[in-house]
Protein backbone atom coordinates (compact mmCIF):
# COMPACT_ATOMS: atom_id res chain seq x y z
CA MET A 1 6.68 140.91 24.21
CA TYR A 2 3.45 139.07 21.98
CA ILE A 3 1.57 140.18 19.28
CA GLY A 4 -1.78 139.89 19.64
CA VAL A 5 -4.22 139.96 16.08
CA ASP A 6 -7.76 140.61 15.96
CA LEU A 7 -9.16 139.02 12.07
CA GLY A 8 -12.58 140.80 10.97
CA GLY A 9 -14.78 140.67 8.55
CA THR A 10 -13.47 144.16 7.93
CA ASN A 11 -10.94 144.97 9.03
CA ILE A 12 -7.44 143.68 10.43
CA ARG A 13 -5.55 144.74 13.57
CA ALA A 14 -2.89 143.68 15.48
CA GLY A 15 -1.07 145.35 18.27
CA LEU A 16 2.60 144.77 19.99
CA ILE A 17 2.08 143.92 23.76
CA GLU A 18 5.05 144.36 26.13
CA ASP A 19 4.39 143.73 29.94
CA GLY A 20 0.94 143.85 29.08
CA VAL A 21 0.28 147.52 27.32
CA LEU A 22 -0.50 147.93 23.83
CA THR A 23 2.63 149.92 22.47
CA LEU A 24 2.08 150.00 18.87
CA VAL A 25 -1.17 149.13 16.42
CA LYS A 26 -1.51 148.44 13.03
CA GLN A 27 -5.09 148.10 11.26
CA VAL A 28 -5.94 147.55 7.42
CA LEU A 29 -9.11 146.99 5.52
CA LEU A 30 -9.14 143.56 4.41
CA THR A 31 -9.69 143.59 0.84
CA ASP A 32 -10.49 141.09 -1.66
CA LYS A 33 -12.15 138.48 0.54
CA GLU A 34 -12.94 135.62 -2.14
CA SER A 35 -8.87 135.59 -1.99
CA LEU A 36 -7.47 133.74 0.36
CA ARG A 37 -4.05 134.12 -0.91
CA LYS A 38 -4.70 137.58 -0.88
CA THR A 39 -6.23 137.62 2.97
CA ILE A 40 -3.10 135.64 3.91
CA SER A 41 -0.94 138.26 2.32
CA GLN A 42 -2.79 140.93 4.00
CA LEU A 43 -2.42 139.41 7.38
CA ILE A 44 1.29 138.91 7.21
CA SER A 45 1.60 142.67 5.83
CA VAL A 46 0.18 144.01 8.94
CA ILE A 47 1.85 141.10 11.58
CA ALA A 48 5.39 141.50 9.84
CA PRO A 49 6.09 145.42 10.57
CA LEU A 50 5.53 144.48 14.35
CA ILE A 51 8.06 141.31 14.80
CA ARG A 52 10.60 142.35 17.03
CA PRO A 53 13.42 139.47 17.96
CA GLU A 54 12.23 140.06 22.00
CA VAL A 55 8.63 138.49 20.33
CA LYS A 56 7.72 135.46 22.01
CA GLY A 57 4.82 134.74 20.45
CA ILE A 58 1.54 135.57 18.28
CA GLY A 59 -2.59 135.36 19.44
CA ILE A 60 -5.00 135.83 16.74
CA GLY A 61 -8.69 136.10 17.11
CA VAL A 62 -10.95 134.83 14.36
CA PRO A 63 -15.06 135.10 14.29
CA SER A 64 -15.32 131.39 13.60
CA VAL A 65 -14.86 127.94 14.85
CA VAL A 66 -11.29 126.90 15.25
CA ASP A 67 -9.55 123.57 16.08
CA ILE A 68 -7.23 124.73 18.87
CA GLU A 69 -4.58 121.93 19.34
CA ASN A 70 -3.76 122.15 15.34
CA GLY A 71 -4.41 125.91 14.41
CA ILE A 72 -6.99 125.39 11.61
CA VAL A 73 -9.68 127.95 11.14
CA TYR A 74 -13.13 127.01 9.67
CA ASP A 75 -15.71 129.05 8.22
CA VAL A 76 -14.66 132.85 9.15
CA VAL A 77 -17.49 134.67 8.79
CA ASN A 78 -17.81 137.14 6.25
CA ILE A 79 -14.34 135.73 5.03
CA PRO A 80 -16.01 133.44 2.32
CA SER A 81 -12.41 132.39 0.71
CA TRP A 82 -11.57 131.16 4.48
CA GLN A 83 -13.49 127.76 4.66
CA LYS A 84 -10.50 125.96 6.06
CA VAL A 85 -7.64 127.38 6.51
CA GLU A 86 -4.01 126.31 7.98
CA LEU A 87 -3.80 129.35 9.75
CA LYS A 88 -1.16 128.41 12.48
CA LYS A 89 1.20 126.06 10.39
CA ILE A 90 1.20 129.32 7.62
CA LEU A 91 2.39 131.57 10.31
CA GLU A 92 4.75 129.62 12.07
CA THR A 93 6.48 128.32 8.70
CA GLU A 94 6.35 132.69 7.80
CA PHE A 95 7.75 134.19 11.56
CA ASN A 96 8.95 131.04 12.84
CA ILE A 97 7.77 131.64 16.09
CA PRO A 98 4.35 129.94 17.86
CA VAL A 99 1.31 131.18 16.93
CA SER A 100 -2.17 130.38 18.70
CA ILE A 101 -5.86 130.84 17.64
CA ASN A 102 -8.91 130.94 18.91
CA ASN A 103 -12.72 132.43 18.84
CA ASP A 104 -12.74 136.19 18.91
CA VAL A 105 -15.01 136.44 21.31
CA ASN A 106 -13.14 134.42 23.52
CA CYS A 107 -9.75 136.52 22.94
CA PHE A 108 -11.96 139.55 24.41
CA ALA A 109 -13.29 137.06 27.63
CA LEU A 110 -9.15 136.45 28.04
CA GLY A 111 -8.67 140.33 27.55
CA GLU A 112 -10.96 141.31 29.65
CA HIS A 113 -10.28 138.86 32.83
CA ARG A 114 -6.36 139.69 32.32
CA TYR A 115 -6.47 143.15 31.81
CA GLY A 116 -10.34 144.54 32.05
CA GLN A 117 -13.31 144.85 33.88
CA ALA A 118 -12.98 141.24 34.96
CA LYS A 119 -9.66 140.79 36.38
CA SER A 120 -11.11 140.10 39.95
CA PHE A 121 -13.45 137.18 38.77
CA SER A 122 -12.62 134.19 38.67
CA SER A 123 -15.74 133.03 36.57
CA PHE A 124 -17.79 135.62 34.15
CA VAL A 125 -18.95 135.85 31.01
CA ALA A 126 -17.98 138.29 28.07
CA ILE A 127 -20.47 139.01 25.50
CA ALA A 128 -19.66 141.32 22.58
CA LEU A 129 -22.86 143.20 20.68
CA GLY A 130 -22.21 144.51 17.08
CA THR A 131 -22.83 142.60 13.63
CA GLY A 132 -23.53 139.22 15.43
CA LEU A 133 -24.25 137.96 19.52
CA GLY A 134 -21.50 136.00 21.04
CA ALA A 135 -20.12 135.29 24.23
CA GLY A 136 -16.44 134.09 25.99
CA ILE A 137 -16.73 132.14 29.04
CA ILE A 138 -14.46 131.99 32.10
CA ILE A 139 -14.88 128.95 34.26
CA ASN A 140 -12.59 128.82 37.49
CA ASN A 141 -10.14 131.13 35.55
CA THR A 142 -10.03 129.02 32.53
CA LEU A 143 -11.45 129.82 29.48
CA TYR A 144 -14.08 127.10 28.26
CA SER A 145 -14.07 127.12 24.05
CA GLY A 146 -16.26 123.60 24.21
CA ASN A 147 -15.52 120.18 22.64
CA ASN A 148 -15.52 122.20 19.11
CA CYS A 149 -14.55 125.90 20.14
CA GLY A 150 -17.85 126.50 19.96
CA ALA A 151 -19.15 127.03 23.07
CA GLY A 152 -20.93 130.80 24.01
CA GLU A 153 -22.36 131.08 20.51
CA ILE A 154 -25.40 131.83 22.49
CA GLY A 155 -26.67 134.20 19.39
CA SER A 156 -27.95 131.09 17.64
CA LEU A 157 -30.61 129.78 20.18
CA PRO A 158 -33.86 130.46 19.28
CA TYR A 159 -36.06 133.26 20.66
CA LEU A 160 -39.36 134.39 19.63
CA ASP A 161 -39.28 133.83 15.46
CA ASN A 162 -35.34 133.48 14.94
CA ASN A 163 -32.61 133.49 17.40
CA PHE A 164 -31.34 135.77 20.26
CA GLU A 165 -28.64 137.09 17.50
CA PHE A 166 -31.27 138.53 15.20
CA TYR A 167 -32.98 140.64 18.15
CA THR A 168 -29.71 142.31 19.90
CA SER A 169 -27.40 142.53 16.97
CA SER A 170 -27.08 145.01 14.27
CA THR A 171 -29.65 143.22 12.89
CA PHE A 172 -32.31 144.58 15.53
CA PHE A 173 -31.50 148.20 14.07
CA GLU A 174 -31.34 147.28 10.51
CA THR A 175 -33.44 145.24 9.40
CA ILE A 176 -36.27 145.23 11.82
CA ASN A 177 -36.63 148.83 12.07
CA SER A 178 -34.24 150.44 9.20
CA ILE A 179 -31.44 152.42 11.24
CA THR A 180 -27.92 151.47 11.84
CA ALA A 181 -27.24 151.17 15.66
CA LEU A 182 -24.86 154.14 15.48
CA ASP A 183 -27.60 156.22 14.01
CA ALA A 184 -30.07 155.21 17.09
CA HIS A 185 -27.11 156.30 19.52
CA ASN A 186 -26.73 159.52 18.14
CA GLU A 187 -30.26 159.85 17.80
CA ALA A 188 -30.51 158.87 21.88
CA LEU A 189 -28.29 161.34 22.59
CA GLN A 190 -29.87 163.92 21.01
CA GLY A 191 -32.89 163.13 22.46
CA SER A 192 -34.77 161.41 19.93
CA GLN A 193 -38.12 159.78 21.90
CA LYS A 194 -38.78 157.05 18.96
CA ALA A 195 -34.57 155.93 19.00
CA LEU A 196 -35.16 156.11 23.28
CA GLN A 197 -37.81 153.81 22.60
CA LEU A 198 -36.00 151.49 20.29
CA TRP A 199 -33.13 151.25 22.96
CA LYS A 200 -35.69 150.33 25.43
CA GLU A 201 -36.86 147.85 23.78
CA TYR A 202 -33.51 146.35 22.66
CA GLY A 203 -32.94 146.03 26.11
CA THR A 204 -35.53 144.17 26.59
CA HIS A 205 -34.18 141.66 24.15
CA LEU A 206 -30.81 142.29 25.97
CA GLY A 207 -32.07 141.10 29.45
CA ASN A 208 -33.85 137.79 28.52
CA VAL A 209 -30.24 136.63 26.44
CA LEU A 210 -28.42 137.23 30.19
CA LYS A 211 -31.38 135.40 31.61
CA ALA A 212 -30.48 132.55 29.59
CA VAL A 213 -26.94 132.92 30.47
CA VAL A 214 -27.41 133.53 33.72
CA TYR A 215 -29.77 129.97 33.96
CA THR A 216 -27.07 128.22 32.31
CA TYR A 217 -23.62 129.22 33.53
CA ASP A 218 -24.51 131.65 36.75
CA PRO A 219 -21.72 133.49 36.56
CA GLU A 220 -20.10 135.98 39.45
CA ALA A 221 -20.38 138.94 36.18
CA ILE A 222 -21.19 139.57 32.59
CA VAL A 223 -18.92 141.80 30.95
CA LEU A 224 -20.55 143.80 27.55
CA GLY A 225 -18.91 144.76 24.97
CA GLY A 226 -18.49 145.82 20.83
CA SER A 227 -20.37 148.63 19.05
CA ILE A 228 -23.27 148.40 20.62
CA ALA A 229 -22.37 147.98 24.04
CA LYS A 230 -21.48 151.76 23.56
CA ALA A 231 -25.16 152.50 24.10
CA PHE A 232 -25.44 151.12 27.43
CA THR A 233 -26.71 153.97 29.06
CA PHE A 234 -29.89 154.03 26.65
CA PHE A 235 -30.71 150.26 27.44
CA LYS A 236 -29.58 149.10 30.71
CA GLU A 237 -32.99 150.20 32.33
CA SER A 238 -34.83 147.76 30.46
CA MET A 239 -32.21 145.15 30.34
CA HIS A 240 -32.13 145.18 34.12
CA GLU A 241 -36.25 145.32 34.25
CA SER A 242 -36.25 142.50 31.79
CA LEU A 243 -33.81 140.52 34.21
CA SER A 244 -36.91 140.96 37.22
CA ASP A 245 -38.87 137.63 36.54
CA PHE A 246 -35.91 135.70 37.37
CA GLN A 247 -36.44 132.64 38.73
CA PHE A 248 -33.92 133.05 41.72
CA PRO A 249 -33.78 136.87 42.74
CA GLU A 250 -30.71 136.30 44.63
CA THR A 251 -29.03 135.38 42.21
CA ILE A 252 -29.72 138.56 39.70
CA LYS A 253 -29.02 140.99 42.82
CA LYS A 254 -25.21 139.24 43.18
CA LEU A 255 -24.78 139.41 39.67
CA GLN A 256 -22.49 142.40 38.34
CA ILE A 257 -23.16 143.44 34.54
CA LEU A 258 -20.63 146.00 33.36
CA ARG A 259 -19.26 147.23 30.19
CA SER A 260 -15.60 146.93 28.70
CA GLN A 261 -13.72 150.16 28.75
CA ALA A 262 -11.17 149.45 26.68
CA ASP A 263 -11.36 149.73 23.22
CA ASN A 264 -8.99 147.07 22.20
CA ILE A 265 -9.26 144.43 25.11
CA ALA A 266 -9.53 141.91 22.43
CA LEU A 267 -6.20 142.52 21.08
CA LEU A 268 -4.30 142.01 24.45
CA GLY A 269 -6.90 139.16 24.86
CA ALA A 270 -5.38 137.39 22.10
CA ALA A 271 -1.96 137.94 23.27
CA ALA A 272 -2.85 136.03 26.37
CA LEU A 273 -3.66 133.08 24.22
CA VAL A 274 0.31 132.69 24.14
CA ASN A 275 2.06 134.90 27.01
CA ASN A 276 1.35 132.51 30.18
CA ASP A 277 3.81 134.79 31.86
């Protein structure tokens, strides 16, 4: 039995996992982000109800870079008070069980590899599309985090007049087009031509991201997750069209592009940080 935690800039979610099955989930709205003490207290309050004598460890995904060995978290996105937090030490002292910490999108990738769409692949890239854009990389069945847990920050790569994240995250909708991704999705479902055209443009940008990923890693598959991926139907065609000029056509023919099917896969992946069964 393990606990998986997803620490976001808006919510904290924690789940109890037994034999690869999520049996109980707790979620709270993260408040008092300017106070480290209060946010740590909130995190502990979400985890505590899940603690059982059978729990062997806690795995946590955070939207930041992490000193994985020592469990120190740096500069967490959208939580200003979390500039340097010795999270492993704090939680192991509190609960007296092993704690492992990694980037949240890496946990998403681990979850897909062990329990989700990528179980049959030894090398793939998982891309989370939402408030930002990040990637988790599995190579030869092993998570590749990089020297500073910074591998997969493809959203920061320069693109057009900004970077990939600017054109393929929620910013594309809210800042450039003055609409939320959710509203754009709902309008597309209702047949709005303006919304459908917007998703077509989005797919073109995302296809360029995927080209960069394939040129760099040549994975067996790419798994798309996050809230924006729920609109996959509306951008997949233009995304594939954008891949048509890839220099090595056979590579694209072999590449599988899949959409994540499990909303809580990141919790399962976080638990996998400590679950080696």
